[in-house]
Amino acid sequence: MRFSRYISPIDQPTLMEETMIVVTEKTATEADINAVSARIQELGMKSHIIRGTERTVIVAVGDERKIKVESFENRQGVSEVLP
């Protein structure tokens, strides 16, 4: 008879969830915002869009190892990226 080893939650590795905040320019279009959000989701993270009167903030939540600030800094419509 074979027994499988019970792995308690303490023994299991956990993924650290981190956030990254992308602030758009005032001139960012809906297409710019959607492109950033889509890229975040392609990386396997959750994307939360917060719309303000002048700017939009896109929050990425997920595995910190997938977040590459540089890949978002030069996107069209992006003003600032906060890791």
Protein backbone atom coordinates (compact mmCIF):
# COMPACT_ATOMS: atom_id res chain seq x y z
CA MET A 1 0.00 0.00 0.00
CA ARG A 2 1.33 3.45 -0.92
CA PHE A 3 0.76 6.51 1.14
CA SER A 4 0.94 9.97 -0.29
CA ARG A 5 2.47 12.64 1.87
CA TYR A 6 0.10 15.29 3.16
CA ILE A 7 1.38 18.76 2.41
CA SER A 8 0.11 21.33 4.84
CA PRO A 9 -0.54 24.90 3.70
CA ILE A 10 2.60 25.94 5.59
CA ASP A 11 4.74 23.65 3.39
CA GLN A 12 3.28 24.92 0.13
CA PRO A 13 5.03 27.74 -1.67
CA THR A 14 3.00 30.89 -1.97
CA LEU A 15 3.05 33.50 -4.68
CA MET A 16 3.53 37.03 -3.54
CA GLU A 17 0.92 39.31 -4.96
CA GLU A 18 2.20 42.71 -5.84
CA THR A 19 0.64 45.73 -7.42
CA MET A 20 1.76 48.07 -10.13
CA ILE A 21 -0.01 51.33 -10.86
CA VAL A 22 -0.13 52.80 -14.35
CA VAL A 23 -1.19 56.45 -14.59
CA THR A 24 -2.35 57.59 -18.01
CA GLU A 25 -1.78 60.91 -19.71
CA LYS A 26 -4.68 63.33 -19.99
CA THR A 27 -4.72 62.63 -23.73
CA ALA A 28 -4.89 58.82 -23.41
CA THR A 29 -7.56 57.31 -25.59
CA GLU A 30 -9.87 54.45 -24.71
CA ALA A 31 -7.77 52.28 -27.03
CA ASP A 32 -4.59 53.20 -25.08
CA ILE A 33 -6.24 52.29 -21.78
CA ASN A 34 -7.62 49.02 -23.15
CA ALA A 35 -4.21 48.09 -24.59
CA VAL A 36 -2.52 48.51 -21.20
CA SER A 37 -5.29 46.55 -19.47
CA ALA A 38 -5.09 43.77 -22.06
CA ARG A 39 -1.30 43.49 -21.65
CA ILE A 40 -1.69 43.18 -17.89
CA GLN A 41 -4.19 40.37 -18.38
CA GLU A 42 -1.94 38.66 -20.95
CA LEU A 43 0.70 38.46 -18.21
CA GLY A 44 -1.78 36.58 -16.05
CA MET A 45 -2.55 39.43 -13.69
CA LYS A 46 -5.79 41.15 -12.79
CA SER A 47 -6.42 44.60 -14.17
CA HIS A 48 -8.52 47.20 -12.36
CA ILE A 49 -9.36 50.45 -14.16
CA ILE A 50 -10.13 53.54 -12.10
CA ARG A 51 -11.42 56.45 -14.15
CA GLY A 52 -10.93 59.99 -12.92
CA THR A 53 -12.06 63.29 -14.37
CA GLU A 54 -8.71 63.98 -16.05
CA ARG A 55 -6.72 60.75 -15.88
CA THR A 56 -7.23 57.03 -15.59
CA VAL A 57 -5.34 54.75 -13.26
CA ILE A 58 -4.86 51.09 -14.11
CA VAL A 59 -3.88 48.81 -11.25
CA ALA A 60 -2.22 45.47 -11.97
CA VAL A 61 -2.44 42.85 -9.23
CA GLY A 62 -0.68 39.52 -9.45
CA ASP A 63 2.55 37.58 -9.38
CA GLU A 64 5.35 40.10 -8.90
CA ARG A 65 7.70 38.12 -11.13
CA LYS A 66 5.52 38.89 -14.15
CA ILE A 67 5.57 42.64 -13.63
CA LYS A 68 8.07 44.45 -15.83
CA VAL A 69 7.77 48.17 -15.33
CA GLU A 70 9.85 48.91 -18.42
CA SER A 71 7.33 47.22 -20.69
CA PHE A 72 4.66 49.70 -19.59
CA GLU A 73 6.67 52.92 -19.31
CA ASN A 74 6.94 53.48 -23.05
CA ARG A 75 3.38 52.57 -24.00
CA GLN A 76 1.29 55.17 -25.73
CA GLY A 77 -0.91 57.11 -23.33
CA VAL A 78 1.11 56.21 -20.23
CA SER A 79 2.33 59.07 -18.06
CA GLU A 80 3.83 57.21 -15.10
CA VAL A 81 4.33 53.69 -13.77
CA LEU A 82 4.61 53.05 -10.05
CA PRO A 83 5.87 49.59 -9.08
